[in-house]
Amino acid sequence: MFHTHSRYFQLDRRNLVYLKFIVEAYEGLATLSTVNREGAIVRIGYPHFSSRDVDALLHALGKEIEMTEVPQPADCSGLPPAVPREKEAGHAG
């Protein structure tokens, strides 16, 4: 089994479907789950070996839609922990 990472982002609710479509179009790269629909917080989960590709995709998407990386919400305790990032939560990209 692969070691997986999770990152959390908040975005405009109007962009949820678009983001899910794009992320899942890269089949096997990452998955997207809505953690909080009202707050438009999503979890992007991916295997460790896909980290660079996921970073590149999120960087490119951050130029198209506004999405802010946020800490793992407290109500997500059953999910894998968020990946510690070198920089603080902020705009993706």
PDB file of N, CA and C in Angstrom:
ATOM      1  N   MET A   1       0.845  -1.182   0.000  1.00  0.00           N
ATOM      2  CA  MET A   1       0.000   0.000   0.000  1.00  0.00           C
ATOM      3  C   MET A   1       0.891   1.246   0.000  1.00  0.00           C
ATOM      4  N   PHE A   2       0.445   2.301  -0.681  1.00  0.00           N
ATOM      5  CA  PHE A   2       1.210   3.527  -0.803  1.00  0.00           C
ATOM      6  C   PHE A   2       0.958   4.458   0.378  1.00  0.00           C
ATOM      7  N   HIS A   3       2.011   5.185   0.753  1.00  0.00           N
ATOM      8  CA  HIS A   3       1.875   6.238   1.751  1.00  0.00           C
ATOM      9  C   HIS A   3       1.200   7.423   1.071  1.00  0.00           C
ATOM     10  N   THR A   4       0.108   7.923   1.650  1.00  0.00           N
ATOM     11  CA  THR A   4      -0.623   9.009   1.018  1.00  0.00           C
ATOM     12  C   THR A   4      -0.493  10.316   1.798  1.00  0.00           C
ATOM     13  N   HIS A   5      -0.675  11.394   1.079  1.00  0.00           N
ATOM     14  CA  HIS A   5      -0.648  12.742   1.651  1.00  0.00           C
ATOM     15  C   HIS A   5      -2.002  13.392   1.423  1.00  0.00           C
ATOM     16  N   SER A   6      -2.288  14.382   2.233  1.00  0.00           N
ATOM     17  CA  SER A   6      -3.511  15.163   2.073  1.00  0.00           C
ATOM     18  C   SER A   6      -3.183  16.640   2.188  1.00  0.00           C
ATOM     19  N   ARG A   7      -3.831  17.426   1.354  1.00  0.00           N
ATOM     20  CA  ARG A   7      -3.746  18.886   1.444  1.00  0.00           C
ATOM     21  C   ARG A   7      -5.166  19.416   1.371  1.00  0.00           C
ATOM     22  N   TYR A   8      -5.399  20.502   2.058  1.00  0.00           N
ATOM     23  CA  TYR A   8      -6.738  21.070   2.163  1.00  0.00           C
ATOM     24  C   TYR A   8      -6.754  22.473   1.574  1.00  0.00           C
ATOM     25  N   PHE A   9      -7.812  22.768   0.840  1.00  0.00           N
ATOM     26  CA  PHE A   9      -7.936  24.057   0.184  1.00  0.00           C
ATOM     27  C   PHE A   9      -9.345  24.595   0.355  1.00  0.00           C
ATOM     28  N   GLN A  10      -9.416  25.910   0.458  1.00  0.00           N
ATOM     29  CA  GLN A  10     -10.707  26.589   0.468  1.00  0.00           C
ATOM     30  C   GLN A  10     -10.807  27.382  -0.829  1.00  0.00           C
ATOM     31  N   LEU A  11     -11.970  27.328  -1.456  1.00  0.00           N
ATOM     32  CA  LEU A  11     -12.164  28.012  -2.712  1.00  0.00           C
ATOM     33  C   LEU A  11     -13.612  28.445  -2.838  1.00  0.00           C
ATOM     34  N   ASP A  12     -13.894  29.208  -3.841  1.00  0.00           N
ATOM     35  CA  ASP A  12     -15.256  29.628  -4.110  1.00  0.00           C
ATOM     36  C   ASP A  12     -16.069  28.390  -4.480  1.00  0.00           C
ATOM     37  N   ARG A  13     -17.250  28.270  -3.904  1.00  0.00           N
ATOM     38  CA  ARG A  13     -18.086  27.085  -4.161  1.00  0.00           C
ATOM     39  C   ARG A  13     -18.371  26.881  -5.649  1.00  0.00           C
ATOM     40  N   ARG A  14     -18.396  27.959  -6.402  1.00  0.00           N
ATOM     41  CA  ARG A  14     -18.660  27.844  -7.844  1.00  0.00           C
ATOM     42  C   ARG A  14     -17.557  27.081  -8.567  1.00  0.00           C
ATOM     43  N   ASN A  15     -16.388  26.962  -7.956  1.00  0.00           N
ATOM     44  CA  ASN A  15     -15.261  26.279  -8.601  1.00  0.00           C
ATOM     45  C   ASN A  15     -15.078  24.828  -8.172  1.00  0.00           C
ATOM     46  N   LEU A  16     -15.930  24.334  -7.280  1.00  0.00           N
ATOM     47  CA  LEU A  16     -15.775  22.963  -6.784  1.00  0.00           C
ATOM     48  C   LEU A  16     -15.843  21.924  -7.901  1.00  0.00           C
ATOM     49  N   VAL A  17     -16.841  22.006  -8.733  1.00  0.00           N
ATOM     50  CA  VAL A  17     -17.017  21.003  -9.793  1.00  0.00           C
ATOM     51  C   VAL A  17     -15.863  21.070 -10.788  1.00  0.00           C
ATOM     52  N   TYR A  18     -15.474  22.285 -11.159  1.00  0.00           N
ATOM     53  CA  TYR A  18     -14.354  22.457 -12.094  1.00  0.00           C
ATOM     54  C   TYR A  18     -13.077  21.831 -11.526  1.00  0.00           C
ATOM     55  N   LEU A  19     -12.762  22.147 -10.260  1.00  0.00           N
ATOM     56  CA  LEU A  19     -11.552  21.607  -9.639  1.00  0.00           C
ATOM     57  C   LEU A  19     -11.600  20.083  -9.583  1.00  0.00           C
ATOM     58  N   LYS A  20     -12.731  19.531  -9.193  1.00  0.00           N
ATOM     59  CA  LYS A  20     -12.866  18.068  -9.129  1.00  0.00           C
ATOM     60  C   LYS A  20     -12.675  17.450 -10.509  1.00  0.00           C
ATOM     61  N   PHE A  21     -13.278  18.059 -11.524  1.00  0.00           N
ATOM     62  CA  PHE A  21     -13.157  17.555 -12.893  1.00  0.00           C
ATOM     63  C   PHE A  21     -11.698  17.523 -13.328  1.00  0.00           C
ATOM     64  N   ILE A  22     -10.971  18.615 -13.111  1.00  0.00           N
ATOM     65  CA  ILE A  22      -9.581  18.702 -13.545  1.00  0.00           C
ATOM     66  C   ILE A  22      -8.700  17.720 -12.773  1.00  0.00           C
ATOM     67  N   VAL A  23      -8.823  17.700 -11.450  1.00  0.00           N
ATOM     68  CA  VAL A  23      -7.987  16.811 -10.634  1.00  0.00           C
ATOM     69  C   VAL A  23      -8.220  15.354 -11.013  1.00  0.00           C
ATOM     70  N   GLU A  24      -9.464  14.965 -11.167  1.00  0.00           N
ATOM     71  CA  GLU A  24      -9.750  13.563 -11.454  1.00  0.00           C
ATOM     72  C   GLU A  24      -9.558  13.196 -12.923  1.00  0.00           C
ATOM     73  N   ALA A  25      -9.378  14.200 -13.784  1.00  0.00           N
ATOM     74  CA  ALA A  25      -9.080  13.914 -15.188  1.00  0.00           C
ATOM     75  C   ALA A  25      -7.697  13.275 -15.321  1.00  0.00           C
ATOM     76  N   TYR A  26      -6.822  13.601 -14.381  1.00  0.00           N
ATOM     77  CA  TYR A  26      -5.506  12.979 -14.334  1.00  0.00           C
ATOM     78  C   TYR A  26      -5.648  11.688 -13.538  1.00  0.00           C
ATOM     79  N   GLU A  27      -6.234  10.713 -14.155  1.00  0.00           N
ATOM     80  CA  GLU A  27      -6.604   9.473 -13.482  1.00  0.00           C
ATOM     81  C   GLU A  27      -5.442   8.863 -12.721  1.00  0.00           C
ATOM     82  N   GLY A  28      -5.683   8.585 -11.449  1.00  0.00           N
ATOM     83  CA  GLY A  28      -4.678   7.956 -10.606  1.00  0.00           C
ATOM     84  C   GLY A  28      -3.702   8.922  -9.961  1.00  0.00           C
ATOM     85  N   LEU A  29      -3.744  10.199 -10.338  1.00  0.00           N
ATOM     86  CA  LEU A  29      -2.823  11.177  -9.772  1.00  0.00           C
ATOM     87  C   LEU A  29      -3.249  11.586  -8.371  1.00  0.00           C
ATOM     88  N   ALA A  30      -4.514  11.943  -8.215  1.00  0.00           N
ATOM     89  CA  ALA A  30      -5.015  12.432  -6.932  1.00  0.00           C
ATOM     90  C   ALA A  30      -6.531  12.262  -6.893  1.00  0.00           C
ATOM     91  N   THR A  31      -7.077  12.378  -5.692  1.00  0.00           N
ATOM     92  CA  THR A  31      -8.523  12.379  -5.527  1.00  0.00           C
ATOM     93  C   THR A  31      -8.917  13.654  -4.806  1.00  0.00           C
ATOM     94  N   LEU A  32     -10.131  14.076  -5.028  1.00  0.00           N
ATOM     95  CA  LEU A  32     -10.637  15.272  -4.381  1.00  0.00           C
ATOM     96  C   LEU A  32     -11.914  14.910  -3.649  1.00  0.00           C
ATOM     97  N   SER A  33     -11.991  15.309  -2.388  1.00  0.00           N
ATOM     98  CA  SER A  33     -13.183  15.096  -1.574  1.00  0.00           C
ATOM     99  C   SER A  33     -13.601  16.422  -0.975  1.00  0.00           C
ATOM    100  N   THR A  34     -14.888  16.677  -0.968  1.00  0.00           N
ATOM    101  CA  THR A  34     -15.389  17.876  -0.322  1.00  0.00           C
ATOM    102  C   THR A  34     -15.483  17.599   1.170  1.00  0.00           C
ATOM    103  N   VAL A  35     -14.797  18.401   1.963  1.00  0.00           N
ATOM    104  CA  VAL A  35     -14.775  18.230   3.408  1.00  0.00           C
ATOM    105  C   VAL A  35     -15.882  19.061   4.050  1.00  0.00           C
ATOM    106  N   ASN A  36     -16.073  20.264   3.539  1.00  0.00           N
ATOM    107  CA  ASN A  36     -17.075  21.181   4.062  1.00  0.00           C
ATOM    108  C   ASN A  36     -17.667  21.930   2.882  1.00  0.00           C
ATOM    109  N   ARG A  37     -18.875  21.535   2.482  1.00  0.00           N
ATOM    110  CA  ARG A  37     -19.493  22.132   1.298  1.00  0.00           C
ATOM    111  C   ARG A  37     -19.821  23.604   1.515  1.00  0.00           C
ATOM    112  N   GLU A  38     -20.316  23.955   2.696  1.00  0.00           N
ATOM    113  CA  GLU A  38     -20.674  25.346   2.963  1.00  0.00           C
ATOM    114  C   GLU A  38     -19.444  26.246   2.945  1.00  0.00           C
ATOM    115  N   GLY A  39     -18.353  25.789   3.526  1.00  0.00           N
ATOM    116  CA  GLY A  39     -17.122  26.564   3.552  1.00  0.00           C
ATOM    117  C   GLY A  39     -16.251  26.338   2.340  1.00  0.00           C
ATOM    118  N   ALA A  40     -16.698  25.438   1.456  1.00  0.00           N
ATOM    119  CA  ALA A  40     -15.974  25.087   0.228  1.00  0.00           C
ATOM    120  C   ALA A  40     -14.534  24.686   0.529  1.00  0.00           C
ATOM    121  N   ILE A  41     -14.397  23.749   1.468  1.00  0.00           N
ATOM    122  CA  ILE A  41     -13.080  23.198   1.789  1.00  0.00           C
ATOM    123  C   ILE A  41     -12.995  21.796   1.200  1.00  0.00           C
ATOM    124  N   VAL A  42     -11.927  21.549   0.461  1.00  0.00           N
ATOM    125  CA  VAL A  42     -11.729  20.252  -0.165  1.00  0.00           C
ATOM    126  C   VAL A  42     -10.425  19.633   0.324  1.00  0.00           C
ATOM    127  N   ARG A  43     -10.390  18.326   0.251  1.00  0.00           N
ATOM    128  CA  ARG A  43      -9.182  17.561   0.568  1.00  0.00           C
ATOM    129  C   ARG A  43      -8.687  16.953  -0.728  1.00  0.00           C
ATOM    130  N   ILE A  44      -7.413  17.167  -1.013  1.00  0.00           N
ATOM    131  CA  ILE A  44      -6.788  16.523  -2.162  1.00  0.00           C
ATOM    132  C   ILE A  44      -5.828  15.484  -1.601  1.00  0.00           C
ATOM    133  N   GLY A  45      -6.107  14.236  -1.911  1.00  0.00           N
ATOM    134  CA  GLY A  45      -5.283  13.131  -1.434  1.00  0.00           C
ATOM    135  C   GLY A  45      -4.507  12.534  -2.591  1.00  0.00           C
ATOM    136  N   TYR A  46      -3.266  12.160  -2.307  1.00  0.00           N
ATOM    137  CA  TYR A  46      -2.424  11.631  -3.379  1.00  0.00           C
ATOM    138  C   TYR A  46      -1.303  10.785  -2.790  1.00  0.00           C
ATOM    139  N   PRO A  47      -0.801   9.827  -3.577  1.00  0.00           N
ATOM    140  CA  PRO A  47       0.325   9.020  -3.119  1.00  0.00           C
ATOM    141  C   PRO A  47       1.610   9.851  -3.106  1.00  0.00           C
ATOM    142  N   HIS A  48       2.502   9.486  -2.213  1.00  0.00           N
ATOM    143  CA  HIS A  48       3.762  10.218  -2.042  1.00  0.00           C
ATOM    144  C   HIS A  48       4.508  10.407  -3.367  1.00  0.00           C
ATOM    145  N   PHE A  49       4.536   9.385  -4.190  1.00  0.00           N
ATOM    146  CA  PHE A  49       5.321   9.461  -5.428  1.00  0.00           C
ATOM    147  C   PHE A  49       4.734  10.450  -6.444  1.00  0.00           C
ATOM    148  N   SER A  50       3.517  10.935  -6.211  1.00  0.00           N
ATOM    149  CA  SER A  50       2.898  11.906  -7.114  1.00  0.00           C
ATOM    150  C   SER A  50       3.056  13.347  -6.648  1.00  0.00           C
ATOM    151  N   SER A  51       3.802  13.571  -5.582  1.00  0.00           N
ATOM    152  CA  SER A  51       3.893  14.901  -4.971  1.00  0.00           C
ATOM    153  C   SER A  51       4.277  15.993  -5.954  1.00  0.00           C
ATOM    154  N   ARG A  52       5.294  15.773  -6.750  1.00  0.00           N
ATOM    155  CA  ARG A  52       5.739  16.811  -7.698  1.00  0.00           C
ATOM    156  C   ARG A  52       4.681  17.123  -8.741  1.00  0.00           C
ATOM    157  N   ASP A  53       4.051  16.088  -9.261  1.00  0.00           N
ATOM    158  CA  ASP A  53       3.016  16.299 -10.270  1.00  0.00           C
ATOM    159  C   ASP A  53       1.809  17.020  -9.678  1.00  0.00           C
ATOM    160  N   VAL A  54       1.432  16.654  -8.463  1.00  0.00           N
ATOM    161  CA  VAL A  54       0.310  17.319  -7.801  1.00  0.00           C
ATOM    162  C   VAL A  54       0.660  18.779  -7.530  1.00  0.00           C
ATOM    163  N   ASP A  55       1.865  19.039  -7.050  1.00  0.00           N
ATOM    164  CA  ASP A  55       2.292  20.425  -6.819  1.00  0.00           C
ATOM    165  C   ASP A  55       2.207  21.240  -8.109  1.00  0.00           C
ATOM    166  N   ALA A  56       2.673  20.673  -9.208  1.00  0.00           N
ATOM    167  CA  ALA A  56       2.645  21.378 -10.492  1.00  0.00           C
ATOM    168  C   ALA A  56       1.203  21.646 -10.934  1.00  0.00           C
ATOM    169  N   LEU A  57       0.345  20.663 -10.782  1.00  0.00           N
ATOM    170  CA  LEU A  57      -1.058  20.838 -11.157  1.00  0.00           C
ATOM    171  C   LEU A  57      -1.721  21.906 -10.293  1.00  0.00           C
ATOM    172  N   LEU A  58      -1.489  21.866  -8.985  1.00  0.00           N
ATOM    173  CA  LEU A  58      -2.092  22.854  -8.090  1.00  0.00           C
ATOM    174  C   LEU A  58      -1.558  24.256  -8.377  1.00  0.00           C
ATOM    175  N   HIS A  59      -0.305  24.346  -8.725  1.00  0.00           N
ATOM    176  CA  HIS A  59       0.278  25.638  -9.084  1.00  0.00           C
ATOM    177  C   HIS A  59      -0.418  26.205 -10.327  1.00  0.00           C
ATOM    178  N   ALA A  60      -0.599  25.366 -11.335  1.00  0.00           N
ATOM    179  CA  ALA A  60      -1.265  25.802 -12.563  1.00  0.00           C
ATOM    180  C   ALA A  60      -2.724  26.179 -12.292  1.00  0.00           C
ATOM    181  N   LEU A  61      -3.407  25.375 -11.490  1.00  0.00           N
ATOM    182  CA  LEU A  61      -4.800  25.677 -11.176  1.00  0.00           C
ATOM    183  C   LEU A  61      -4.925  26.959 -10.364  1.00  0.00           C
ATOM    184  N   GLY A  62      -3.937  27.230  -9.522  1.00  0.00           N
ATOM    185  CA  GLY A  62      -3.934  28.453  -8.722  1.00  0.00           C
ATOM    186  C   GLY A  62      -3.871  29.711  -9.568  1.00  0.00           C
ATOM    187  N   LYS A  63      -3.446  29.572 -10.818  1.00  0.00           N
ATOM    188  CA  LYS A  63      -3.431  30.714 -11.737  1.00  0.00           C
ATOM    189  C   LYS A  63      -4.799  30.917 -12.388  1.00  0.00           C
ATOM    190  N   GLU A  64      -5.627  29.880 -12.370  1.00  0.00           N
ATOM    191  CA  GLU A  64      -6.948  29.941 -12.992  1.00  0.00           C
ATOM    192  C   GLU A  64      -8.053  30.278 -11.999  1.00  0.00           C
ATOM    193  N   ILE A  65      -7.978  29.673 -10.829  1.00  0.00           N
ATOM    194  CA  ILE A  65      -9.013  29.896  -9.821  1.00  0.00           C
ATOM    195  C   ILE A  65      -8.341  30.212  -8.493  1.00  0.00           C
ATOM    196  N   GLU A  66      -9.007  31.008  -7.696  1.00  0.00           N
ATOM    197  CA  GLU A  66      -8.449  31.343  -6.383  1.00  0.00           C
ATOM    198  C   GLU A  66      -8.728  30.197  -5.430  1.00  0.00           C
ATOM    199  N   MET A  67      -7.659  29.656  -4.861  1.00  0.00           N
ATOM    200  CA  MET A  67      -7.775  28.585  -3.884  1.00  0.00           C
ATOM    201  C   MET A  67      -6.684  28.780  -2.841  1.00  0.00           C
ATOM    202  N   THR A  68      -7.089  28.718  -1.592  1.00  0.00           N
ATOM    203  CA  THR A  68      -6.175  28.977  -0.495  1.00  0.00           C
ATOM    204  C   THR A  68      -5.946  27.697   0.290  1.00  0.00           C
ATOM    205  N   GLU A  69      -4.693  27.331   0.477  1.00  0.00           N
ATOM    206  CA  GLU A  69      -4.391  26.147   1.271  1.00  0.00           C
ATOM    207  C   GLU A  69      -4.665  26.465   2.727  1.00  0.00           C
ATOM    208  N   VAL A  70      -5.362  25.553   3.399  1.00  0.00           N
ATOM    209  CA  VAL A  70      -5.748  25.737   4.796  1.00  0.00           C
ATOM    210  C   VAL A  70      -5.296  24.529   5.603  1.00  0.00           C
ATOM    211  N   PRO A  71      -5.189  24.682   6.932  1.00  0.00           N
ATOM    212  CA  PRO A  71      -4.846  23.531   7.772  1.00  0.00           C
ATOM    213  C   PRO A  71      -5.968  22.490   7.731  1.00  0.00           C
ATOM    214  N   GLN A  72      -5.631  21.284   8.106  1.00  0.00           N
ATOM    215  CA  GLN A  72      -6.634  20.218   8.158  1.00  0.00           C
ATOM    216  C   GLN A  72      -7.733  20.615   9.131  1.00  0.00           C
ATOM    217  N   PRO A  73      -8.992  20.622   8.689  1.00  0.00           N
ATOM    218  CA  PRO A  73     -10.092  20.961   9.592  1.00  0.00           C
ATOM    219  C   PRO A  73     -10.188  19.961  10.740  1.00  0.00           C
ATOM    220  N   ALA A  74     -10.605  20.435  11.886  1.00  0.00           N
ATOM    221  CA  ALA A  74     -10.692  19.599  13.086  1.00  0.00           C
ATOM    222  C   ALA A  74     -11.658  18.436  12.912  1.00  0.00           C
ATOM    223  N   ASP A  75     -12.677  18.593  12.085  1.00  0.00           N
ATOM    224  CA  ASP A  75     -13.669  17.536  11.907  1.00  0.00           C
ATOM    225  C   ASP A  75     -13.235  16.462  10.910  1.00  0.00           C
ATOM    226  N   CYS A  76     -11.946  16.415  10.563  1.00  0.00           N
ATOM    227  CA  CYS A  76     -11.415  15.430   9.622  1.00  0.00           C
ATOM    228  C   CYS A  76     -10.456  14.468  10.305  1.00  0.00           C
ATOM    229  N   SER A  77     -10.693  14.182  11.563  1.00  0.00           N
ATOM    230  CA  SER A  77      -9.735  13.384  12.335  1.00  0.00           C
ATOM    231  C   SER A  77      -9.560  11.962  11.808  1.00  0.00           C
ATOM    232  N   GLY A  78     -10.528  11.424  11.069  1.00  0.00           N
ATOM    233  CA  GLY A  78     -10.405  10.068  10.551  1.00  0.00           C
ATOM    234  C   GLY A  78      -9.634   9.974   9.254  1.00  0.00           C
ATOM    235  N   LEU A  79      -9.239  11.106   8.688  1.00  0.00           N
ATOM    236  CA  LEU A  79      -8.518  11.126   7.415  1.00  0.00           C
ATOM    237  C   LEU A  79      -7.017  11.176   7.655  1.00  0.00           C
ATOM    238  N   PRO A  80      -6.222  10.828   6.641  1.00  0.00           N
ATOM    239  CA  PRO A  80      -4.769  10.933   6.794  1.00  0.00           C
ATOM    240  C   PRO A  80      -4.389  12.376   7.117  1.00  0.00           C
ATOM    241  N   PRO A  81      -3.339  12.570   7.922  1.00  0.00           N
ATOM    242  CA  PRO A  81      -2.952  13.935   8.282  1.00  0.00           C
ATOM    243  C   PRO A  81      -2.472  14.719   7.071  1.00  0.00           C
ATOM    244  N   ALA A  82      -2.629  16.021   7.176  1.00  0.00           N
ATOM    245  CA  ALA A  82      -2.175  16.906   6.106  1.00  0.00           C
ATOM    246  C   ALA A  82      -0.665  16.860   6.026  1.00  0.00           C
ATOM    247  N   VAL A  83      -0.158  17.111   4.834  1.00  0.00           N
ATOM    248  CA  VAL A  83       1.285  17.134   4.612  1.00  0.00           C
ATOM    249  C   VAL A  83       1.854  18.417   5.200  1.00  0.00           C
ATOM    250  N   PRO A  84       2.894  18.334   6.017  1.00  0.00           N
ATOM    251  CA  PRO A  84       3.524  19.583   6.473  1.00  0.00           C
ATOM    252  C   PRO A  84       4.125  20.303   5.280  1.00  0.00           C
ATOM    253  N   ARG A  85       3.825  21.560   5.135  1.00  0.00           N
ATOM    254  CA  ARG A  85       4.311  22.338   4.007  1.00  0.00           C
ATOM    255  C   ARG A  85       5.443  23.238   4.457  1.00  0.00           C
ATOM    256  N   GLU A  86       6.357  23.534   3.554  1.00  0.00           N
ATOM    257  CA  GLU A  86       7.486  24.406   3.865  1.00  0.00           C
ATOM    258  C   GLU A  86       7.021  25.827   4.105  1.00  0.00           C
ATOM    259  N   LYS A  87       6.032  26.251   3.320  1.00  0.00           N
ATOM    260  CA  LYS A  87       5.522  27.608   3.513  1.00  0.00           C
ATOM    261  C   LYS A  87       4.166  27.519   4.203  1.00  0.00           C
ATOM    262  N   GLU A  88       3.747  28.604   4.833  1.00  0.00           N
ATOM    263  CA  GLU A  88       2.485  28.628   5.533  1.00  0.00           C
ATOM    264  C   GLU A  88       1.338  28.542   4.549  1.00  0.00           C
ATOM    265  N   ALA A  89       0.145  28.223   5.082  1.00  0.00           N
ATOM    266  CA  ALA A  89      -1.028  28.158   4.244  1.00  0.00           C
ATOM    267  C   ALA A  89      -1.203  29.468   3.497  1.00  0.00           C
ATOM    268  N   GLY A  90      -1.547  29.376   2.258  1.00  0.00           N
ATOM    269  CA  GLY A  90      -1.729  30.569   1.460  1.00  0.00           C
ATOM    270  C   GLY A  90      -2.247  30.215   0.091  1.00  0.00           C
ATOM    271  N   HIS A  91      -2.110  31.109  -0.825  1.00  0.00           N
ATOM    272  CA  HIS A  91      -2.591  30.900  -2.181  1.00  0.00           C
ATOM    273  C   HIS A  91      -1.838  29.747  -2.824  1.00  0.00           C
ATOM    274  N   ALA A  92      -2.563  28.863  -3.468  1.00  0.00           N
ATOM    275  CA  ALA A  92      -1.915  27.744  -4.152  1.00  0.00           C
ATOM    276  C   ALA A  92      -1.127  28.290  -5.321  1.00  0.00           C
ATOM    277  N   GLY A  93       0.099  27.868  -5.410  1.00  0.00           N
ATOM    278  CA  GLY A  93       0.886  28.297  -6.556  1.00  0.00           C
ATOM    279  C   GLY A  93       1.906  29.211  -6.189  1.00  0.00           C
TER     280      GLY A  93
END
